[in-house]
Protein backbone atom coordinates (compact mmCIF):
# COMPACT_ATOMS: atom_id res chain seq x y z
CA UNK A 1 -137.88 -170.88 -191.73
CA UNK A 2 -139.92 -171.50 -194.61
CA UNK A 3 -139.71 -169.08 -197.78
CA UNK A 4 -143.15 -167.54 -197.20
CA UNK A 5 -142.58 -167.04 -193.85
CA UNK A 6 -139.28 -165.08 -194.63
CA UNK A 7 -141.32 -163.23 -197.32
CA UNK A 8 -143.93 -162.42 -194.64
CA UNK A 9 -141.39 -161.21 -192.20
CA UNK A 10 -139.73 -158.74 -194.68
CA UNK A 11 -142.88 -157.33 -195.08
CA UNK A 12 -144.10 -156.93 -191.72
CA UNK A 13 -140.47 -155.24 -190.61
CA UNK A 14 -140.65 -152.87 -193.56
CA UNK A 15 -144.22 -152.01 -192.76
CA UNK A 16 -144.79 -152.30 -196.56
CA UNK A 17 -148.42 -153.29 -198.16
CA UNK A 18 -149.38 -156.01 -195.57
CA UNK A 19 -151.99 -157.44 -198.18
CA UNK A 20 -149.23 -158.65 -200.42
CA UNK A 21 -148.15 -161.23 -197.92
CA UNK A 22 -149.68 -164.14 -199.64
CA UNK A 23 -148.66 -167.52 -201.04
CA UNK A 24 -148.29 -165.68 -204.38
CA UNK A 25 -146.77 -162.68 -203.07
CA UNK A 26 -148.82 -160.55 -205.43
CA UNK A 27 -149.96 -157.08 -204.83
CA UNK A 28 -153.72 -156.56 -205.25
CA UNK A 29 -154.34 -154.21 -207.80
CA UNK A 30 -155.53 -150.87 -206.69
CA UNK A 31 -159.50 -149.78 -207.14
CA UNK A 32 -160.42 -147.79 -209.99
CA UNK A 33 -160.45 -144.05 -208.77
CA UNK A 34 -164.23 -143.46 -208.05
CA UNK A 35 -166.28 -140.80 -210.03
CA UNK A 36 -167.20 -138.07 -207.59
CA UNK A 37 -169.10 -134.94 -207.12
CA UNK A 38 -166.77 -132.13 -206.12
CA UNK A 39 -168.23 -130.92 -202.63
CA UNK A 40 -164.71 -128.78 -201.71
CA UNK A 41 -162.80 -126.62 -203.31
CA UNK A 42 -158.93 -127.09 -202.84
CA UNK A 43 -156.27 -124.99 -203.71
CA UNK A 44 -152.41 -125.43 -203.48
CA UNK A 45 -151.19 -122.07 -202.19
CA UNK A 46 -147.21 -122.83 -202.15
CA UNK A 47 -144.81 -125.69 -202.39
CA UNK A 48 -140.95 -126.26 -201.20
CA UNK A 49 -138.53 -129.25 -200.70
CA UNK A 50 -136.40 -130.91 -198.50
CA UNK A 51 -134.32 -134.28 -199.78
CA UNK A 52 -135.79 -137.90 -199.64
CA UNK A 53 -138.44 -138.81 -196.86
CA UNK A 54 -137.68 -142.66 -196.81
CA UNK A 55 -137.67 -143.29 -193.05
CA UNK A 56 -140.44 -142.96 -190.42
CA UNK A 57 -140.43 -139.09 -190.24
CA UNK A 58 -143.71 -136.60 -189.36
CA UNK A 59 -144.43 -133.10 -189.41
CA UNK A 60 -144.41 -131.43 -185.83
CA UNK A 61 -147.16 -128.68 -186.08
CA UNK A 62 -147.13 -125.28 -183.89
CA UNK A 63 -149.79 -122.68 -184.80
CA UNK A 64 -148.80 -121.60 -187.65
CA UNK A 65 -145.24 -123.15 -187.83
CA UNK A 66 -144.65 -126.52 -189.32
CA UNK A 67 -141.12 -128.56 -188.57
CA UNK A 68 -139.73 -131.20 -191.20
CA UNK A 69 -137.20 -133.18 -191.95
CA UNK A 70 -135.36 -135.62 -194.52
CA UNK A 71 -133.71 -138.66 -194.13
CA UNK A 72 -130.56 -137.19 -195.61
CA UNK A 73 -130.44 -134.72 -192.69
CA UNK A 74 -132.32 -131.45 -193.42
CA UNK A 75 -134.54 -129.81 -190.83
CA UNK A 76 -136.88 -126.89 -191.50
CA UNK A 77 -139.30 -124.52 -189.78
CA UNK A 78 -141.62 -123.53 -192.15
CA UNK A 79 -144.36 -120.91 -191.85
CA UNK A 80 -147.55 -122.87 -192.95
CA UNK A 81 -149.08 -119.75 -194.12
CA UNK A 82 -146.39 -118.51 -197.05
CA UNK A 83 -144.32 -121.80 -197.45
CA UNK A 84 -141.03 -119.74 -196.29
CA UNK A 85 -138.51 -120.96 -193.89
CA UNK A 86 -138.02 -119.39 -190.76
CA UNK A 87 -134.96 -121.37 -190.46
CA UNK A 88 -133.44 -124.51 -192.01
CA UNK A 89 -130.34 -126.53 -191.39
CA UNK A 90 -128.64 -129.99 -192.48
CA UNK A 91 -127.26 -132.13 -189.65
CA UNK A 92 -125.00 -133.98 -191.95
CA UNK A 93 -126.18 -137.13 -191.01
CA UNK A 94 -128.89 -139.45 -191.86
CA UNK A 95 -132.17 -139.05 -189.54
CA UNK A 96 -133.92 -142.27 -188.60
CA UNK A 97 -137.07 -140.62 -186.70
CA UNK A 98 -138.64 -137.13 -185.86
CA UNK A 99 -139.74 -134.27 -185.85
CA UNK A 100 -140.86 -134.02 -182.60
CA UNK A 101 -140.90 -130.56 -181.19
CA UNK A 102 -142.68 -127.70 -178.90
CA UNK A 103 -142.45 -124.88 -181.20
CA UNK A 104 -139.07 -123.46 -179.52
CA UNK A 105 -136.89 -127.07 -179.06
CA UNK A 106 -137.38 -129.66 -181.52
CA UNK A 107 -135.29 -133.25 -181.40
CA UNK A 108 -134.77 -136.04 -184.26
CA UNK A 109 -132.91 -139.30 -183.90
CA UNK A 110 -130.10 -140.19 -185.99
CA UNK A 111 -129.49 -143.45 -187.87
CA UNK A 112 -126.43 -143.71 -185.56
CA UNK A 113 -128.79 -143.83 -182.77
CA UNK A 114 -128.43 -140.45 -181.13
CA UNK A 115 -130.99 -137.82 -180.06
CA UNK A 116 -130.35 -134.44 -181.10
CA UNK A 117 -131.70 -131.43 -180.08
CA UNK A 118 -132.19 -128.27 -182.10
CA UNK A 119 -132.79 -124.68 -181.18
CA UNK A 120 -133.36 -121.58 -183.42
CA UNK A 121 -131.98 -123.90 -186.19
CA UNK A 122 -128.71 -124.80 -184.62
CA UNK A 123 -127.91 -128.23 -182.91
CA UNK A 124 -128.01 -127.81 -179.05
CA UNK A 125 -126.95 -131.31 -177.77
CA UNK A 126 -127.03 -135.00 -178.61
CA UNK A 127 -126.76 -138.02 -176.65
CA UNK A 128 -126.18 -141.38 -177.48
CA UNK A 129 -129.10 -144.21 -177.31
CA UNK A 130 -128.58 -148.12 -176.71
CA UNK A 131 -131.10 -148.98 -179.30
CA UNK A 132 -132.50 -147.47 -182.60
CA UNK A 133 -135.80 -145.90 -182.73
CA UNK A 134 -138.65 -145.28 -185.40
CA UNK A 135 -140.44 -143.18 -183.20
CA UNK A 136 -140.34 -139.41 -183.39
CA UNK A 137 -139.35 -137.68 -179.90
CA UNK A 138 -141.58 -135.89 -177.79
CA UNK A 139 -140.85 -132.44 -176.58
CA UNK A 140 -142.99 -131.36 -173.66
CA UNK A 141 -142.57 -129.89 -170.16
CA UNK A 142 -139.01 -128.96 -171.02
CA UNK A 143 -138.08 -132.24 -171.54
CA UNK A 144 -137.29 -134.55 -174.65
CA UNK A 145 -138.67 -138.19 -174.40
CA UNK A 146 -137.77 -141.10 -176.79
CA UNK A 147 -139.18 -144.64 -177.17
CA UNK A 148 -136.36 -147.05 -178.62
CA UNK A 149 -137.07 -150.14 -180.52
CA UNK A 150 -136.04 -152.24 -177.32
CA UNK A 151 -139.27 -150.71 -175.88
CA UNK A 152 -137.04 -148.52 -173.72
CA UNK A 153 -138.81 -144.88 -172.62
CA UNK A 154 -135.92 -142.24 -172.16
CA UNK A 155 -136.41 -138.56 -170.62
CA UNK A 156 -133.66 -136.27 -171.28
CA UNK A 157 -133.26 -132.56 -169.81
CA UNK A 158 -134.20 -130.47 -172.67
CA UNK A 159 -131.69 -127.67 -172.04
CA UNK A 160 -128.74 -129.76 -171.00
CA UNK A 161 -129.45 -133.14 -172.39
CA UNK A 162 -128.70 -134.87 -169.46
CA UNK A 163 -130.60 -138.17 -168.98
CA UNK A 164 -132.99 -138.15 -166.18
CA UNK A 165 -134.52 -141.50 -165.96
CA UNK A 166 -135.44 -144.58 -168.33
CA UNK A 167 -138.10 -147.45 -168.13
CA UNK A 168 -137.53 -150.57 -169.97
CA UNK A 169 -140.47 -153.66 -170.76
CA UNK A 170 -139.54 -157.04 -171.69
CA UNK A 171 -138.85 -156.59 -175.57
CA UNK A 172 -140.08 -159.28 -178.35
CA UNK A 173 -137.92 -160.80 -180.70
CA UNK A 174 -139.23 -158.28 -183.73
CA UNK A 175 -140.46 -154.81 -183.61
CA UNK A 176 -142.17 -152.84 -186.14
CA UNK A 177 -140.19 -150.51 -188.64
CA UNK A 178 -142.81 -147.71 -188.12
CA UNK A 179 -143.38 -145.29 -185.41
CA UNK A 180 -145.10 -145.98 -182.43
CA UNK A 181 -147.14 -144.28 -179.63
CA UNK A 182 -145.33 -141.70 -177.88
CA UNK A 183 -147.57 -138.66 -176.76
CA UNK A 184 -148.64 -136.52 -174.03
CA UNK A 185 -152.34 -136.04 -172.43
CA UNK A 186 -152.40 -133.36 -169.48
CA UNK A 187 -149.65 -134.45 -167.25
CA UNK A 188 -149.45 -137.92 -168.31
CA UNK A 189 -147.05 -139.64 -170.82
CA UNK A 190 -148.39 -141.76 -173.16
CA UNK A 191 -146.53 -144.45 -174.18
CA UNK A 192 -146.97 -148.01 -176.40
CA UNK A 193 -145.42 -151.40 -175.15
CA UNK A 194 -146.31 -153.91 -177.47
CA UNK A 195 -150.30 -154.07 -177.42
CA UNK A 196 -150.47 -152.16 -174.12
CA UNK A 197 -151.06 -148.54 -173.67
CA UNK A 198 -149.19 -147.07 -170.46
CA UNK A 199 -149.62 -144.01 -168.76
CA UNK A 200 -146.50 -142.93 -167.16
CA UNK A 201 -145.50 -139.94 -164.72
CA UNK A 202 -143.24 -137.70 -166.88
CA UNK A 203 -141.32 -136.67 -164.17
CA UNK A 204 -140.07 -140.06 -162.79
CA UNK A 205 -141.25 -142.78 -165.43
CA UNK A 206 -143.37 -144.68 -162.83
CA UNK A 207 -146.58 -146.23 -164.25
CA UNK A 208 -149.71 -145.02 -163.40
CA UNK A 209 -151.97 -147.13 -165.27
CA UNK A 210 -151.64 -150.18 -167.95
CA UNK A 211 -154.27 -150.74 -170.56
CA UNK A 212 -154.64 -153.42 -173.36
CA UNK A 213 -155.24 -152.40 -176.82
CA UNK A 214 -155.06 -155.65 -178.55
CA UNK A 215 -153.28 -159.07 -177.17
CA UNK A 216 -150.67 -161.12 -179.03
CA UNK A 217 -152.05 -164.47 -180.81
CA UNK A 218 -150.26 -166.39 -183.52
CA UNK A 219 -147.89 -169.33 -183.18
CA UNK A 220 -144.65 -167.00 -184.52
CA UNK A 221 -143.00 -163.93 -183.93
CA UNK A 222 -144.46 -162.14 -186.93
CA UNK A 223 -147.91 -163.14 -185.98
CA UNK A 224 -147.73 -162.17 -182.13
CA UNK A 225 -146.72 -158.59 -183.24
CA UNK A 226 -149.04 -156.38 -181.86
CA UNK A 227 -147.07 -152.62 -181.38
CA UNK A 228 -149.30 -149.68 -181.06
CA UNK A 229 -149.08 -147.33 -183.99
CA UNK A 230 -148.61 -143.90 -184.41
CA UNK A 231 -151.54 -141.98 -184.59
CA UNK A 232 -153.70 -141.55 -181.54
CA UNK A 233 -157.17 -139.75 -181.53
CA UNK A 234 -157.69 -137.76 -178.26
CA UNK A 235 -161.25 -136.09 -177.44
CA UNK A 236 -161.59 -134.96 -173.70
CA UNK A 237 -160.38 -137.70 -171.32
CA UNK A 238 -160.86 -140.45 -174.28
CA UNK A 239 -157.86 -141.75 -176.15
CA UNK A 240 -158.32 -144.17 -179.03
CA UNK A 241 -155.03 -146.10 -180.27
CA UNK A 242 -154.59 -148.95 -182.78
CA UNK A 243 -152.62 -152.10 -182.02
CA UNK A 244 -150.96 -153.50 -185.32
CA UNK A 245 -153.30 -155.76 -187.34
CA UNK A 246 -155.03 -156.69 -184.41
CA UNK A 247 -157.45 -154.21 -182.39
CA UNK A 248 -158.40 -150.35 -182.04
CA UNK A 249 -159.40 -149.42 -178.39
CA UNK A 250 -160.79 -146.29 -176.53
CA UNK A 251 -159.44 -145.97 -173.09
CA UNK A 252 -160.24 -143.04 -170.47
CA UNK A 253 -156.73 -141.77 -170.16
CA UNK A 254 -157.89 -140.02 -166.43
CA UNK A 255 -157.87 -143.41 -164.96
CA UNK A 256 -156.71 -146.07 -167.62
CA UNK A 257 -160.09 -148.03 -167.96
CA UNK A 258 -160.63 -149.57 -171.42
CA UNK A 259 -163.75 -147.89 -172.57
CA UNK A 260 -164.07 -150.68 -175.69
CA UNK A 261 -162.40 -152.56 -177.97
CA UNK A 262 -163.12 -153.72 -181.50
CA UNK A 263 -161.28 -156.19 -184.02
CA UNK A 264 -159.57 -154.16 -186.75
CA UNK A 265 -156.86 -155.46 -189.51
CA UNK A 266 -155.19 -151.57 -190.07
CA UNK A 267 -151.42 -150.92 -189.68
CA UNK A 268 -151.67 -146.93 -189.60
CA UNK A 269 -152.98 -144.59 -187.17
CA UNK A 270 -156.36 -143.00 -186.36
CA UNK A 271 -158.10 -139.50 -185.85
CA UNK A 272 -161.48 -138.56 -184.83
CA UNK A 273 -163.50 -135.73 -183.63
CA UNK A 274 -166.11 -135.94 -180.70
CA UNK A 275 -168.58 -138.18 -182.49
CA UNK A 276 -166.44 -140.95 -184.42
CA UNK A 277 -162.98 -142.12 -184.76
CA UNK A 278 -161.90 -142.58 -188.12
CA UNK A 279 -159.11 -145.14 -190.03
CA UNK A 280 -158.18 -147.10 -192.79
CA UNK A 281 -157.47 -150.92 -192.96
CA UNK A 282 -154.55 -152.39 -194.55
CA UNK A 283 -156.60 -152.96 -197.45
CA UNK A 284 -157.20 -149.41 -197.64
CA UNK A 285 -161.25 -149.64 -196.51
CA UNK A 286 -162.03 -146.47 -194.75
CA UNK A 287 -164.24 -146.92 -191.57
CA UNK A 288 -165.83 -145.19 -189.03
CA UNK A 289 -166.67 -146.09 -185.67
CA UNK A 290 -169.12 -144.52 -182.99
CA UNK A 291 -166.76 -143.16 -180.39
CA UNK A 292 -169.15 -144.11 -177.50
CA UNK A 293 -169.42 -147.73 -178.01
CA UNK A 294 -166.94 -148.75 -181.01
CA UNK A 295 -169.98 -149.53 -183.44
CA UNK A 296 -169.37 -149.05 -187.12
CA UNK A 297 -170.69 -146.00 -188.40
CA UNK A 298 -169.87 -146.34 -192.30
CA UNK A 299 -167.43 -147.97 -194.42
CA UNK A 300 -165.96 -146.46 -197.70
CA UNK A 301 -164.42 -149.38 -199.82
CA UNK A 302 -163.87 -147.63 -203.07
CA UNK A 303 -160.30 -146.83 -202.64
CA UNK A 304 -159.20 -150.46 -201.70
CA UNK A 305 -155.47 -151.30 -202.15
CA UNK A 306 -154.55 -147.87 -202.91
CA UNK A 307 -152.01 -147.73 -200.09
CA UNK A 308 -153.84 -145.25 -197.83
CA UNK A 309 -152.08 -143.63 -194.78
CA UNK A 310 -153.60 -142.13 -191.55
CA UNK A 311 -156.58 -139.57 -191.74
CA UNK A 312 -156.74 -136.57 -190.72
CA UNK A 313 -160.03 -134.73 -189.75
CA UNK A 314 -160.23 -131.34 -191.42
CA UNK A 315 -163.55 -129.30 -191.29
CA UNK A 316 -166.37 -131.65 -192.88
CA UNK A 317 -163.60 -133.71 -194.57
CA UNK A 318 -161.29 -136.72 -193.79
CA UNK A 319 -158.30 -136.26 -195.64
CA UNK A 320 -155.85 -139.17 -196.76
CA UNK A 321 -152.90 -139.59 -198.72
CA UNK A 322 -152.01 -142.61 -200.80
CA UNK A 323 -148.92 -144.55 -202.62
CA UNK A 324 -149.42 -142.94 -205.79
CA UNK A 325 -149.29 -139.01 -204.11
CA UNK A 326 -152.98 -138.23 -204.17
CA UNK A 327 -154.77 -136.67 -201.21
CA UNK A 328 -158.59 -138.09 -200.93
CA UNK A 329 -161.03 -136.03 -199.06
CA UNK A 330 -164.02 -138.13 -197.94
CA UNK A 331 -167.15 -136.83 -195.99
CA UNK A 332 -166.92 -137.17 -192.17
CA UNK A 333 -170.73 -138.00 -192.27
CA UNK A 334 -170.69 -140.99 -194.32
CA UNK A 335 -167.39 -141.58 -196.07
CA UNK A 336 -168.65 -139.97 -199.66
CA UNK A 337 -165.85 -138.51 -201.85
CA UNK A 338 -165.95 -135.01 -201.69
CA UNK A 339 -162.55 -134.02 -203.70
CA UNK A 340 -159.37 -135.66 -205.15
CA UNK A 341 -155.91 -133.76 -205.51
CA UNK A 342 -153.54 -135.04 -207.47
CA UNK A 343 -149.89 -133.54 -205.81
CA UNK A 344 -146.66 -134.98 -206.12
CA UNK A 345 -146.56 -138.43 -207.79
CA UNK A 346 -144.39 -139.89 -205.28
CA UNK A 347 -146.35 -141.66 -202.32
CA UNK A 348 -147.63 -139.41 -199.37
CA UNK A 349 -144.75 -140.03 -196.72
CA UNK A 350 -147.05 -139.35 -193.51
CA UNK A 351 -150.25 -138.07 -192.44
CA UNK A 352 -151.19 -134.75 -193.75
CA UNK A 353 -151.06 -132.02 -191.03
CA UNK A 354 -152.94 -128.78 -190.20
CA UNK A 355 -151.01 -125.98 -189.29
CA UNK A 356 -153.43 -122.97 -188.64
CA UNK A 357 -155.87 -123.29 -191.78
CA UNK A 358 -153.05 -124.93 -194.13
CA UNK A 359 -153.16 -128.54 -195.23
CA UNK A 360 -149.32 -129.52 -195.29
CA UNK A 361 -148.73 -132.67 -197.11
CA UNK A 362 -145.20 -134.26 -197.13
CA UNK A 363 -144.11 -136.76 -200.25
CA UNK A 364 -141.42 -139.36 -200.27
CA UNK A 365 -139.58 -137.12 -202.79
CA UNK A 366 -139.32 -134.32 -200.43
CA UNK A 367 -141.89 -132.49 -201.87
CA UNK A 368 -144.05 -130.19 -199.31
CA UNK A 369 -147.12 -128.46 -200.10
CA UNK A 370 -149.47 -126.44 -198.69
CA UNK A 371 -153.27 -126.32 -199.40
CA UNK A 372 -156.36 -124.28 -198.45
CA UNK A 373 -159.99 -125.40 -198.78
CA UNK A 374 -162.95 -123.42 -199.16
């Protein structure tokens, strides 16, 4: 394998800035921050902190409560109205993926490849996995579901930790070191296997349907990576997903029918509303697509190369965090910049979440902030 291929392989597996994979290996300079007229008032109402967040960790929202974790083992359930802890604990082990939860029971996966269940701020049980994972467990229906990096999905009894079933697909040699798709739609378990979205029976693990989002292409393992990435957009029966650097598609989850697909070069997830689907491409160009047919609606390229993460729909705005710790609020109608907020200077570590009326943002440093808009 040549030097150029080795550099590209490291960047893909590390989910770093993908546009840097070039013959010069130089990262493009971010676009100058655009000027704007503020159309939205954003106020920080609280701040708290956990330890560093350097692995694929995300928040789990349940009404006004939000569960967060740090790579070094902190897990906390926070009241998003006040920023105060409902409970906080440290597992005394490094966490690789999480947090998943249902409001009562939460789960993470350690770097020792153990899924750990937590209730009321105390460890309830743990089970050893045969492979690591970068995807937060899904806690739903009294069960804990885990998607591992060898493309196996497992179900555990939520109360006892007993393994109930497992399903595995043939695995490519390489997988992304970022969160994949593991979600619920009504009584169907949604799982991303390579470039496909599968609907499984959560009681048995048996497939109900299978839909192609992106197809493998290229001549080597890196170019053939088409894993689905964390961040689905769900509206009614329609579920929209992104395949890494390949395509996005919207699917009728009631029968697994692909409604439309469109080529796209992004590596972060999507969000949407009843009219549009939104996402950032790998060069940080933000795009909106018509939800019914996938046609482009608008493009905002003023934030290119700023390392934007996955978007969050919040009121009339679209919220995206970047590598400089900034929050960008764009109009859902046309992509116009409505506001910009400087948070912690470390990168925004995960897609912002909305807990009740509070926007919760997690930074790589472990800084967690709550914002309200007016």
